[in-house]
């Protein structure tokens, strides 16, 4: 069993094969969100605050924090955003940037053990990101592409993932602290993309024994009823061995798909999380407690390990 432990100052979350699926909220990301980008660049974090609180209330176990704004001071903005989000909630964070200086700025102010998003298989990238991960005692997302780009061949993507895991071990980073993103391709653009992804996820679990994640909405890009497709993919991916995803927890179909997968996989013991979210109250409506207990902020000074 491989457990990837990440934490804030007061809470631990465990990504693992025998654990409930971990939802990493994706919305604190200015890419494609012009208004959010402009606000963050101007030092206005009102929307960041709202997005952080809404995602946790909806059931996110972790939050991804990205400050990739062209021509902006990304290291400063990312550090400020990390500090703000940690003041609002105690869920652990994924610190997300393609700029090494920004990653280090975020890690330097982070309280706990972060997830670094991400490192790819390019040797130059490995040589700068992996020492940073080791320095701050973080975990890292390994994206399965390298100098040759993103291969359509899942066997090639597996070999890139294997290379990153082995290079991480060279830097003293255990494979339990490497979460592989197998790069899910759009089903509408590549025939058999879903089946390829499921086979690759299963292989990563069985052969490399690593936890996995993905940008869940990639599978449905360009197709109608994206939430339905995303939900179907997420539940099947969980069955194949995927243990987390970067996604929007405000989308109910996807959350229902994941929580249903937890029931079927036996990681939602006695179906308690499913019942808490979906049981009907005495008036015949949905229960008021729509967000599972794991998504609510709790106090306390000592770190706690969540059942995810």
C-alpha atoms as a PDB file:
ATOM      1  CA  UNK A   1       0.000   0.000   0.000  1.00  0.00           C
ATOM      2  CA  UNK A   2       1.349   3.437  -0.982  1.00  0.00           C
ATOM      3  CA  UNK A   3       0.253   6.441   1.065  1.00  0.00           C
ATOM      4  CA  UNK A   4       1.117   9.989   0.037  1.00  0.00           C
ATOM      5  CA  UNK A   5       0.768  12.208   3.092  1.00  0.00           C
ATOM      6  CA  UNK A   6       0.317  15.968   2.656  1.00  0.00           C
ATOM      7  CA  UNK A   7      -0.584  18.449   5.355  1.00  0.00           C
ATOM      8  CA  UNK A   8      -1.364  21.957   6.440  1.00  0.00           C
ATOM      9  CA  UNK A   9      -0.309  23.186   9.868  1.00  0.00           C
ATOM     10  CA  UNK A  10      -3.219  21.348  11.507  1.00  0.00           C
ATOM     11  CA  UNK A  11      -4.552  18.695   9.123  1.00  0.00           C
ATOM     12  CA  UNK A  12      -3.155  15.728   7.239  1.00  0.00           C
ATOM     13  CA  UNK A  13      -4.711  14.270   4.107  1.00  0.00           C
ATOM     14  CA  UNK A  14      -3.613  10.881   2.834  1.00  0.00           C
ATOM     15  CA  UNK A  15      -3.779   9.941  -0.843  1.00  0.00           C
ATOM     16  CA  UNK A  16      -3.700   6.164  -1.072  1.00  0.00           C
ATOM     17  CA  UNK A  17      -4.971   2.976  -2.680  1.00  0.00           C
ATOM     18  CA  UNK A  18      -7.101   1.977   0.298  1.00  0.00           C
ATOM     19  CA  UNK A  19      -8.308   5.536   1.015  1.00  0.00           C
ATOM     20  CA  UNK A  20     -11.284   7.563  -0.208  1.00  0.00           C
ATOM     21  CA  UNK A  21     -10.625   9.439  -3.446  1.00  0.00           C
ATOM     22  CA  UNK A  22      -9.007  12.848  -2.827  1.00  0.00           C
ATOM     23  CA  UNK A  23     -10.602  15.895  -4.475  1.00  0.00           C
ATOM     24  CA  UNK A  24      -8.145  18.721  -5.232  1.00  0.00           C
ATOM     25  CA  UNK A  25     -10.097  21.910  -5.962  1.00  0.00           C
ATOM     26  CA  UNK A  26      -8.930  23.596  -9.166  1.00  0.00           C
ATOM     27  CA  UNK A  27     -10.587  27.014  -9.128  1.00  0.00           C
ATOM     28  CA  UNK A  28      -7.812  29.192  -7.685  1.00  0.00           C
ATOM     29  CA  UNK A  29      -6.226  29.463 -11.107  1.00  0.00           C
ATOM     30  CA  UNK A  30      -6.307  32.606 -13.286  1.00  0.00           C
ATOM     31  CA  UNK A  31      -5.716  30.671 -16.526  1.00  0.00           C
ATOM     32  CA  UNK A  32      -8.679  31.413 -18.759  1.00  0.00           C
ATOM     33  CA  UNK A  33     -10.286  33.625 -16.067  1.00  0.00           C
ATOM     34  CA  UNK A  34      -9.529  37.199 -17.106  1.00  0.00           C
ATOM     35  CA  UNK A  35     -11.322  38.850 -14.212  1.00  0.00           C
ATOM     36  CA  UNK A  36      -9.573  36.713 -11.604  1.00  0.00           C
ATOM     37  CA  UNK A  37      -6.213  37.313 -13.286  1.00  0.00           C
ATOM     38  CA  UNK A  38      -6.725  41.082 -13.271  1.00  0.00           C
ATOM     39  CA  UNK A  39      -7.805  41.074  -9.631  1.00  0.00           C
ATOM     40  CA  UNK A  40      -4.883  38.954  -8.449  1.00  0.00           C
ATOM     41  CA  UNK A  41      -2.403  41.076 -10.388  1.00  0.00           C
ATOM     42  CA  UNK A  42      -3.827  44.148  -8.653  1.00  0.00           C
ATOM     43  CA  UNK A  43      -3.593  42.536  -5.213  1.00  0.00           C
ATOM     44  CA  UNK A  44      -7.346  41.987  -4.906  1.00  0.00           C
ATOM     45  CA  UNK A  45      -7.957  38.493  -3.507  1.00  0.00           C
ATOM     46  CA  UNK A  46     -11.697  38.791  -2.902  1.00  0.00           C
ATOM     47  CA  UNK A  47     -12.512  36.189  -5.547  1.00  0.00           C
ATOM     48  CA  UNK A  48      -9.711  33.904  -4.310  1.00  0.00           C
ATOM     49  CA  UNK A  49     -11.279  34.010  -0.847  1.00  0.00           C
ATOM     50  CA  UNK A  50     -14.719  33.148  -2.197  1.00  0.00           C
ATOM     51  CA  UNK A  51     -13.366  30.326  -4.371  1.00  0.00           C
ATOM     52  CA  UNK A  52     -11.365  28.813  -1.517  1.00  0.00           C
ATOM     53  CA  UNK A  53     -14.277  28.771   0.919  1.00  0.00           C
ATOM     54  CA  UNK A  54     -16.799  27.533  -1.664  1.00  0.00           C
ATOM     55  CA  UNK A  55     -14.609  24.613  -2.745  1.00  0.00           C
ATOM     56  CA  UNK A  56     -13.968  23.450   0.808  1.00  0.00           C
ATOM     57  CA  UNK A  57     -17.670  23.727   1.626  1.00  0.00           C
ATOM     58  CA  UNK A  58     -18.426  21.621  -1.469  1.00  0.00           C
ATOM     59  CA  UNK A  59     -16.144  18.820  -0.283  1.00  0.00           C
ATOM     60  CA  UNK A  60     -12.615  19.536  -1.573  1.00  0.00           C
ATOM     61  CA  UNK A  61      -9.984  17.805   0.543  1.00  0.00           C
ATOM     62  CA  UNK A  62      -7.164  19.931  -0.899  1.00  0.00           C
ATOM     63  CA  UNK A  63      -6.892  23.121  -2.962  1.00  0.00           C
ATOM     64  CA  UNK A  64      -4.642  23.805  -5.941  1.00  0.00           C
ATOM     65  CA  UNK A  65      -3.216  27.349  -5.896  1.00  0.00           C
ATOM     66  CA  UNK A  66      -1.933  28.857  -9.149  1.00  0.00           C
ATOM     67  CA  UNK A  67      -0.894  32.434  -9.914  1.00  0.00           C
ATOM     68  CA  UNK A  68       0.187  32.126 -13.540  1.00  0.00           C
ATOM     69  CA  UNK A  69      -0.524  35.652 -14.828  1.00  0.00           C
ATOM     70  CA  UNK A  70       1.473  36.953 -17.823  1.00  0.00           C
ATOM     71  CA  UNK A  71       3.773  39.907 -17.027  1.00  0.00           C
ATOM     72  CA  UNK A  72       2.859  39.779 -13.330  1.00  0.00           C
ATOM     73  CA  UNK A  73       5.128  39.144 -10.342  1.00  0.00           C
ATOM     74  CA  UNK A  74       4.157  35.503 -10.013  1.00  0.00           C
ATOM     75  CA  UNK A  75       6.442  34.619  -7.073  1.00  0.00           C
ATOM     76  CA  UNK A  76       5.003  37.435  -4.961  1.00  0.00           C
ATOM     77  CA  UNK A  77       1.389  36.759  -5.954  1.00  0.00           C
ATOM     78  CA  UNK A  78       1.689  33.017  -5.377  1.00  0.00           C
ATOM     79  CA  UNK A  79       3.243  33.515  -1.935  1.00  0.00           C
ATOM     80  CA  UNK A  80       0.525  36.001  -0.956  1.00  0.00           C
ATOM     81  CA  UNK A  81      -2.201  33.671  -2.228  1.00  0.00           C
ATOM     82  CA  UNK A  82      -0.790  30.679  -0.342  1.00  0.00           C
ATOM     83  CA  UNK A  83      -0.665  32.693   2.887  1.00  0.00           C
ATOM     84  CA  UNK A  84      -4.209  33.984   2.385  1.00  0.00           C
ATOM     85  CA  UNK A  85      -5.705  30.576   1.631  1.00  0.00           C
ATOM     86  CA  UNK A  86      -3.955  29.026   4.619  1.00  0.00           C
ATOM     87  CA  UNK A  87      -5.488  31.719   6.820  1.00  0.00           C
ATOM     88  CA  UNK A  88      -8.962  30.784   5.552  1.00  0.00           C
ATOM     89  CA  UNK A  89      -8.928  26.978   5.696  1.00  0.00           C
ATOM     90  CA  UNK A  90      -6.816  24.161   7.074  1.00  0.00           C
ATOM     91  CA  UNK A  91      -6.964  21.875   4.028  1.00  0.00           C
ATOM     92  CA  UNK A  92      -3.541  21.151   2.508  1.00  0.00           C
ATOM     93  CA  UNK A  93      -2.507  22.932  -0.687  1.00  0.00           C
ATOM     94  CA  UNK A  94      -1.071  21.998  -4.053  1.00  0.00           C
ATOM     95  CA  UNK A  95       1.336  24.784  -5.059  1.00  0.00           C
ATOM     96  CA  UNK A  96       1.061  25.081  -8.824  1.00  0.00           C
ATOM     97  CA  UNK A  97       3.489  26.885 -11.130  1.00  0.00           C
ATOM     98  CA  UNK A  98       5.752  26.330 -14.113  1.00  0.00           C
ATOM     99  CA  UNK A  99       8.167  28.925 -12.716  1.00  0.00           C
ATOM    100  CA  UNK A 100      10.680  27.545 -10.227  1.00  0.00           C
ATOM    101  CA  UNK A 101      11.075  30.887  -8.435  1.00  0.00           C
ATOM    102  CA  UNK A 102       7.331  30.998  -7.855  1.00  0.00           C
ATOM    103  CA  UNK A 103       7.292  27.444  -6.522  1.00  0.00           C
ATOM    104  CA  UNK A 104      10.032  28.298  -4.053  1.00  0.00           C
ATOM    105  CA  UNK A 105       8.273  31.498  -2.974  1.00  0.00           C
ATOM    106  CA  UNK A 106       5.107  29.519  -2.275  1.00  0.00           C
ATOM    107  CA  UNK A 107       6.931  26.716  -0.474  1.00  0.00           C
ATOM    108  CA  UNK A 108       8.903  29.173   1.659  1.00  0.00           C
ATOM    109  CA  UNK A 109       5.739  30.569   3.257  1.00  0.00           C
ATOM    110  CA  UNK A 110       3.735  27.315   3.338  1.00  0.00           C
ATOM    111  CA  UNK A 111       2.946  25.791   6.719  1.00  0.00           C
ATOM    112  CA  UNK A 112       2.906  22.000   6.475  1.00  0.00           C
ATOM    113  CA  UNK A 113       3.823  19.513   3.755  1.00  0.00           C
ATOM    114  CA  UNK A 114       2.686  20.783   0.363  1.00  0.00           C
ATOM    115  CA  UNK A 115       2.101  19.038  -2.930  1.00  0.00           C
ATOM    116  CA  UNK A 116       4.212  20.652  -5.676  1.00  0.00           C
ATOM    117  CA  UNK A 117       2.457  20.822  -9.033  1.00  0.00           C
ATOM    118  CA  UNK A 118       4.515  19.854 -10.945  1.00  0.00           C
ATOM    119  CA  UNK A 119       7.640  18.305 -12.482  1.00  0.00           C
ATOM    120  CA  UNK A 120       7.943  16.878 -15.991  1.00  0.00           C
ATOM    121  CA  UNK A 121      10.447  14.424 -17.434  1.00  0.00           C
ATOM    122  CA  UNK A 122      12.774  16.962 -19.055  1.00  0.00           C
ATOM    123  CA  UNK A 123      16.201  16.532 -17.475  1.00  0.00           C
ATOM    124  CA  UNK A 124      16.619  20.275 -17.020  1.00  0.00           C
ATOM    125  CA  UNK A 125      13.300  20.473 -15.181  1.00  0.00           C
ATOM    126  CA  UNK A 126      14.103  17.487 -12.975  1.00  0.00           C
ATOM    127  CA  UNK A 127      17.423  19.045 -11.945  1.00  0.00           C
ATOM    128  CA  UNK A 128      15.786  22.225 -10.636  1.00  0.00           C
ATOM    129  CA  UNK A 129      12.408  21.087  -9.282  1.00  0.00           C
ATOM    130  CA  UNK A 130      13.357  17.872  -7.475  1.00  0.00           C
ATOM    131  CA  UNK A 131      15.985  19.544  -5.235  1.00  0.00           C
ATOM    132  CA  UNK A 132      13.322  22.090  -4.296  1.00  0.00           C
ATOM    133  CA  UNK A 133      10.851  19.330  -3.405  1.00  0.00           C
ATOM    134  CA  UNK A 134      13.510  17.641  -1.277  1.00  0.00           C
ATOM    135  CA  UNK A 135      14.557  20.913   0.412  1.00  0.00           C
ATOM    136  CA  UNK A 136      11.044  21.674   1.619  1.00  0.00           C
ATOM    137  CA  UNK A 137      10.012  18.090   2.336  1.00  0.00           C
ATOM    138  CA  UNK A 138       7.129  18.267  -0.119  1.00  0.00           C
ATOM    139  CA  UNK A 139       5.375  15.734  -2.335  1.00  0.00           C
ATOM    140  CA  UNK A 140       5.282  16.297  -6.097  1.00  0.00           C
ATOM    141  CA  UNK A 141       3.050  15.706  -9.115  1.00  0.00           C
ATOM    142  CA  UNK A 142       4.979  13.977 -11.930  1.00  0.00           C
ATOM    143  CA  UNK A 143       3.575  14.810 -15.367  1.00  0.00           C
ATOM    144  CA  UNK A 144       4.216  12.148 -17.987  1.00  0.00           C
ATOM    145  CA  UNK A 145       5.812  14.218 -20.740  1.00  0.00           C
ATOM    146  CA  UNK A 146       9.429  15.041 -21.528  1.00  0.00           C
ATOM    147  CA  UNK A 147      11.625  16.727 -24.154  1.00  0.00           C
ATOM    148  CA  UNK A 148       9.722  14.909 -26.902  1.00  0.00           C
ATOM    149  CA  UNK A 149       6.372  16.368 -25.801  1.00  0.00           C
ATOM    150  CA  UNK A 150       3.192  14.484 -24.882  1.00  0.00           C
ATOM    151  CA  UNK A 151       3.117  11.081 -26.504  1.00  0.00           C
ATOM    152  CA  UNK A 152      -0.148   9.550 -27.673  1.00  0.00           C
ATOM    153  CA  UNK A 153       1.349   6.156 -26.805  1.00  0.00           C
ATOM    154  CA  UNK A 154       0.480   5.237 -23.182  1.00  0.00           C
ATOM    155  CA  UNK A 155       3.538   2.970 -23.007  1.00  0.00           C
ATOM    156  CA  UNK A 156       5.772   5.976 -23.651  1.00  0.00           C
ATOM    157  CA  UNK A 157       3.958   7.992 -20.985  1.00  0.00           C
ATOM    158  CA  UNK A 158       4.469   5.103 -18.554  1.00  0.00           C
ATOM    159  CA  UNK A 159       8.210   5.100 -19.240  1.00  0.00           C
ATOM    160  CA  UNK A 160       8.393   8.861 -18.643  1.00  0.00           C
ATOM    161  CA  UNK A 161       6.571   8.422 -15.333  1.00  0.00           C
ATOM    162  CA  UNK A 162       8.978   5.622 -14.391  1.00  0.00           C
ATOM    163  CA  UNK A 163      11.935   7.860 -15.191  1.00  0.00           C
ATOM    164  CA  UNK A 164      10.610  10.666 -12.972  1.00  0.00           C
ATOM    165  CA  UNK A 165       9.940   8.283 -10.070  1.00  0.00           C
ATOM    166  CA  UNK A 166      13.459   6.865 -10.324  1.00  0.00           C
ATOM    167  CA  UNK A 167      15.088  10.301 -10.610  1.00  0.00           C
ATOM    168  CA  UNK A 168      13.108  11.455  -7.579  1.00  0.00           C
ATOM    169  CA  UNK A 169      14.513   8.515  -5.631  1.00  0.00           C
ATOM    170  CA  UNK A 170      18.003   9.646  -6.696  1.00  0.00           C
ATOM    171  CA  UNK A 171      17.279  12.923  -4.902  1.00  0.00           C
ATOM    172  CA  UNK A 172      16.058  11.131  -1.781  1.00  0.00           C
ATOM    173  CA  UNK A 173      12.354  11.568  -2.549  1.00  0.00           C
ATOM    174  CA  UNK A 174      10.457   8.298  -1.924  1.00  0.00           C
ATOM    175  CA  UNK A 175       7.990   7.118  -4.531  1.00  0.00           C
ATOM    176  CA  UNK A 176       5.243   7.538  -1.934  1.00  0.00           C
ATOM    177  CA  UNK A 177       5.825  11.286  -2.359  1.00  0.00           C
ATOM    178  CA  UNK A 178       5.425  11.165  -6.155  1.00  0.00           C
ATOM    179  CA  UNK A 179       1.886  11.397  -7.525  1.00  0.00           C
ATOM    180  CA  UNK A 180       1.827  10.650 -11.255  1.00  0.00           C
ATOM    181  CA  UNK A 181      -0.366  12.514 -13.733  1.00  0.00           C
ATOM    182  CA  UNK A 182      -0.664  10.116 -16.712  1.00  0.00           C
ATOM    183  CA  UNK A 183      -2.012  12.918 -18.930  1.00  0.00           C
ATOM    184  CA  UNK A 184      -5.583  12.029 -19.817  1.00  0.00           C
ATOM    185  CA  UNK A 185      -6.344  12.782 -23.482  1.00  0.00           C
ATOM    186  CA  UNK A 186      -9.693  14.173 -24.745  1.00  0.00           C
ATOM    187  CA  UNK A 187     -12.028  11.345 -25.702  1.00  0.00           C
ATOM    188  CA  UNK A 188     -13.563  13.464 -28.444  1.00  0.00           C
ATOM    189  CA  UNK A 189     -10.208  13.997 -30.152  1.00  0.00           C
ATOM    190  CA  UNK A 190      -8.628  10.557 -29.705  1.00  0.00           C
ATOM    191  CA  UNK A 191     -10.525   7.320 -30.168  1.00  0.00           C
ATOM    192  CA  UNK A 192      -9.993   5.050 -27.188  1.00  0.00           C
ATOM    193  CA  UNK A 193      -8.517   7.777 -24.978  1.00  0.00           C
ATOM    194  CA  UNK A 194     -10.604   6.696 -22.022  1.00  0.00           C
ATOM    195  CA  UNK A 195      -9.614   3.040 -22.288  1.00  0.00           C
ATOM    196  CA  UNK A 196      -5.956   4.020 -22.691  1.00  0.00           C
ATOM    197  CA  UNK A 197      -6.133   6.169 -19.568  1.00  0.00           C
ATOM    198  CA  UNK A 198      -7.737   3.401 -17.491  1.00  0.00           C
ATOM    199  CA  UNK A 199      -5.127   0.850 -18.574  1.00  0.00           C
ATOM    200  CA  UNK A 200      -2.296   3.282 -17.828  1.00  0.00           C
ATOM    201  CA  UNK A 201      -3.706   4.153 -14.396  1.00  0.00           C
ATOM    202  CA  UNK A 202      -3.938   0.463 -13.539  1.00  0.00           C
ATOM    203  CA  UNK A 203      -0.386  -0.116 -14.714  1.00  0.00           C
ATOM    204  CA  UNK A 204       0.956   2.804 -12.670  1.00  0.00           C
ATOM    205  CA  UNK A 205      -0.676   1.346  -9.595  1.00  0.00           C
ATOM    206  CA  UNK A 206       0.334  -2.268 -10.129  1.00  0.00           C
ATOM    207  CA  UNK A 207       3.841  -1.853 -11.573  1.00  0.00           C
ATOM    208  CA  UNK A 208       5.137   1.470 -10.195  1.00  0.00           C
ATOM    209  CA  UNK A 209       2.946   1.384  -7.074  1.00  0.00           C
ATOM    210  CA  UNK A 210       2.408   5.141  -7.186  1.00  0.00           C
ATOM    211  CA  UNK A 211      -0.619   7.291  -6.531  1.00  0.00           C
ATOM    212  CA  UNK A 212      -2.129   9.137  -9.452  1.00  0.00           C
ATOM    213  CA  UNK A 213      -3.993  12.322 -10.274  1.00  0.00           C
ATOM    214  CA  UNK A 214      -5.180  14.154 -13.387  1.00  0.00           C
ATOM    215  CA  UNK A 215      -6.964  17.209 -14.663  1.00  0.00           C
ATOM    216  CA  UNK A 216     -10.334  15.457 -14.713  1.00  0.00           C
ATOM    217  CA  UNK A 217     -12.080  17.699 -17.244  1.00  0.00           C
ATOM    218  CA  UNK A 218      -9.546  16.931 -20.008  1.00  0.00           C
ATOM    219  CA  UNK A 219     -11.403  13.736 -20.880  1.00  0.00           C
ATOM    220  CA  UNK A 220     -14.550  15.625 -21.956  1.00  0.00           C
ATOM    221  CA  UNK A 221     -12.957  18.579 -23.766  1.00  0.00           C
ATOM    222  CA  UNK A 222     -14.966  19.603 -26.825  1.00  0.00           C
ATOM    223  CA  UNK A 223     -17.922  17.320 -26.096  1.00  0.00           C
ATOM    224  CA  UNK A 224     -21.461  18.093 -24.866  1.00  0.00           C
ATOM    225  CA  UNK A 225     -22.669  17.191 -21.366  1.00  0.00           C
ATOM    226  CA  UNK A 226     -19.136  17.401 -20.011  1.00  0.00           C
ATOM    227  CA  UNK A 227     -20.229  16.886 -16.395  1.00  0.00           C
ATOM    228  CA  UNK A 228     -21.822  13.544 -17.242  1.00  0.00           C
ATOM    229  CA  UNK A 229     -18.695  12.342 -19.038  1.00  0.00           C
ATOM    230  CA  UNK A 230     -16.417  13.605 -16.283  1.00  0.00           C
ATOM    231  CA  UNK A 231     -18.469  11.786 -13.653  1.00  0.00           C
ATOM    232  CA  UNK A 232     -18.375   8.531 -15.630  1.00  0.00           C
ATOM    233  CA  UNK A 233     -14.624   8.808 -16.156  1.00  0.00           C
ATOM    234  CA  UNK A 234     -13.853   9.661 -12.531  1.00  0.00           C
ATOM    235  CA  UNK A 235     -15.777   6.700 -11.138  1.00  0.00           C
ATOM    236  CA  UNK A 236     -14.149   4.324 -13.640  1.00  0.00           C
ATOM    237  CA  UNK A 237     -10.704   5.835 -13.018  1.00  0.00           C
ATOM    238  CA  UNK A 238     -11.127   5.304  -9.283  1.00  0.00           C
ATOM    239  CA  UNK A 239     -11.982   1.680  -9.991  1.00  0.00           C
ATOM    240  CA  UNK A 240      -8.811   1.380 -12.097  1.00  0.00           C
ATOM    241  CA  UNK A 241      -6.681   2.763  -9.267  1.00  0.00           C
ATOM    242  CA  UNK A 242      -6.643   6.549  -9.590  1.00  0.00           C
ATOM    243  CA  UNK A 243      -6.486   8.070  -6.123  1.00  0.00           C
ATOM    244  CA  UNK A 244      -7.010  11.819  -6.657  1.00  0.00           C
ATOM    245  CA  UNK A 245      -7.994  14.408  -9.245  1.00  0.00           C
ATOM    246  CA  UNK A 246      -7.655  18.138  -9.787  1.00  0.00           C
ATOM    247  CA  UNK A 247     -11.228  19.179 -10.495  1.00  0.00           C
ATOM    248  CA  UNK A 248     -14.083  21.547  -9.704  1.00  0.00           C
ATOM    249  CA  UNK A 249     -15.880  20.314  -6.558  1.00  0.00           C
ATOM    250  CA  UNK A 250     -18.771  22.695  -7.233  1.00  0.00           C
ATOM    251  CA  UNK A 251     -19.964  20.377 -10.011  1.00  0.00           C
ATOM    252  CA  UNK A 252     -22.372  17.955  -8.346  1.00  0.00           C
ATOM    253  CA  UNK A 253     -22.326  15.167 -11.002  1.00  0.00           C
ATOM    254  CA  UNK A 254     -18.557  14.750 -10.660  1.00  0.00           C
ATOM    255  CA  UNK A 255     -18.738  14.767  -6.866  1.00  0.00           C
ATOM    256  CA  UNK A 256     -21.530  12.185  -6.928  1.00  0.00           C
ATOM    257  CA  UNK A 257     -19.449  10.002  -9.263  1.00  0.00           C
ATOM    258  CA  UNK A 258     -16.470  10.097  -6.921  1.00  0.00           C
ATOM    259  CA  UNK A 259     -18.511   9.512  -3.783  1.00  0.00           C
ATOM    260  CA  UNK A 260     -20.320   6.637  -5.470  1.00  0.00           C
ATOM    261  CA  UNK A 261     -16.954   5.144  -6.408  1.00  0.00           C
ATOM    262  CA  UNK A 262     -15.903   5.377  -2.752  1.00  0.00           C
ATOM    263  CA  UNK A 263     -19.002   3.382  -1.801  1.00  0.00           C
ATOM    264  CA  UNK A 264     -18.352   0.725  -4.460  1.00  0.00           C
ATOM    265  CA  UNK A 265     -14.645   0.471  -3.600  1.00  0.00           C
ATOM    266  CA  UNK A 266     -15.397   0.089   0.103  1.00  0.00           C
ATOM    267  CA  UNK A 267     -13.466   3.207   1.133  1.00  0.00           C
ATOM    268  CA  UNK A 268     -16.627   4.948   2.355  1.00  0.00           C
ATOM    269  CA  UNK A 269     -17.117   2.747   5.400  1.00  0.00           C
ATOM    270  CA  UNK A 270     -20.791   1.959   6.038  1.00  0.00           C
ATOM    271  CA  UNK A 271     -21.604   4.501   3.277  1.00  0.00           C
ATOM    272  CA  UNK A 272     -21.480   7.232   5.925  1.00  0.00           C
ATOM    273  CA  UNK A 273     -20.178  10.024   3.661  1.00  0.00           C
ATOM    274  CA  UNK A 274     -22.741   9.145   0.971  1.00  0.00           C
ATOM    275  CA  UNK A 275     -25.592   9.115   3.497  1.00  0.00           C
ATOM    276  CA  UNK A 276     -24.485  12.390   5.068  1.00  0.00           C
ATOM    277  CA  UNK A 277     -24.485  14.123   1.710  1.00  0.00           C
ATOM    278  CA  UNK A 278     -27.532  12.661   0.032  1.00  0.00           C
ATOM    279  CA  UNK A 279     -30.027  11.427   2.636  1.00  0.00           C
ATOM    280  CA  UNK A 280     -33.475  12.981   2.543  1.00  0.00           C
ATOM    281  CA  UNK A 281     -34.652  14.933   5.555  1.00  0.00           C
ATOM    282  CA  UNK A 282     -38.085  14.579   7.167  1.00  0.00           C
ATOM    283  CA  UNK A 283     -39.575  17.128   4.752  1.00  0.00           C
ATOM    284  CA  UNK A 284     -38.595  15.054   1.737  1.00  0.00           C
ATOM    285  CA  UNK A 285     -35.815  17.354   0.536  1.00  0.00           C
ATOM    286  CA  UNK A 286     -32.083  16.812   0.366  1.00  0.00           C
ATOM    287  CA  UNK A 287     -30.227  17.002   3.640  1.00  0.00           C
ATOM    288  CA  UNK A 288     -28.975  20.426   4.543  1.00  0.00           C
ATOM    289  CA  UNK A 289     -25.492  19.055   5.197  1.00  0.00           C
ATOM    290  CA  UNK A 290     -24.591  18.765   1.514  1.00  0.00           C
ATOM    291  CA  UNK A 291     -20.871  19.009   2.155  1.00  0.00           C
ATOM    292  CA  UNK A 292     -19.229  15.954   3.744  1.00  0.00           C
ATOM    293  CA  UNK A 293     -17.617  16.413   7.124  1.00  0.00           C
ATOM    294  CA  UNK A 294     -14.137  16.171   5.609  1.00  0.00           C
ATOM    295  CA  UNK A 295     -14.760  19.432   3.740  1.00  0.00           C
ATOM    296  CA  UNK A 296     -15.520  21.523   6.819  1.00  0.00           C
ATOM    297  CA  UNK A 297     -12.925  23.569   8.599  1.00  0.00           C
ATOM    298  CA  UNK A 298     -12.041  22.428  12.091  1.00  0.00           C
ATOM    299  CA  UNK A 299      -9.934  24.057  14.743  1.00  0.00           C
ATOM    300  CA  UNK A 300      -7.103  22.609  16.771  1.00  0.00           C
ATOM    301  CA  UNK A 301      -3.392  23.097  16.919  1.00  0.00           C
ATOM    302  CA  UNK A 302      -2.196  19.542  16.402  1.00  0.00           C
ATOM    303  CA  UNK A 303      -2.114  17.981  12.957  1.00  0.00           C
ATOM    304  CA  UNK A 304      -4.815  15.377  12.292  1.00  0.00           C
ATOM    305  CA  UNK A 305      -4.809  12.600   9.739  1.00  0.00           C
ATOM    306  CA  UNK A 306      -7.983  12.513   7.649  1.00  0.00           C
ATOM    307  CA  UNK A 307      -9.397   9.278   6.334  1.00  0.00           C
ATOM    308  CA  UNK A 308      -8.506  10.314   2.803  1.00  0.00           C
END
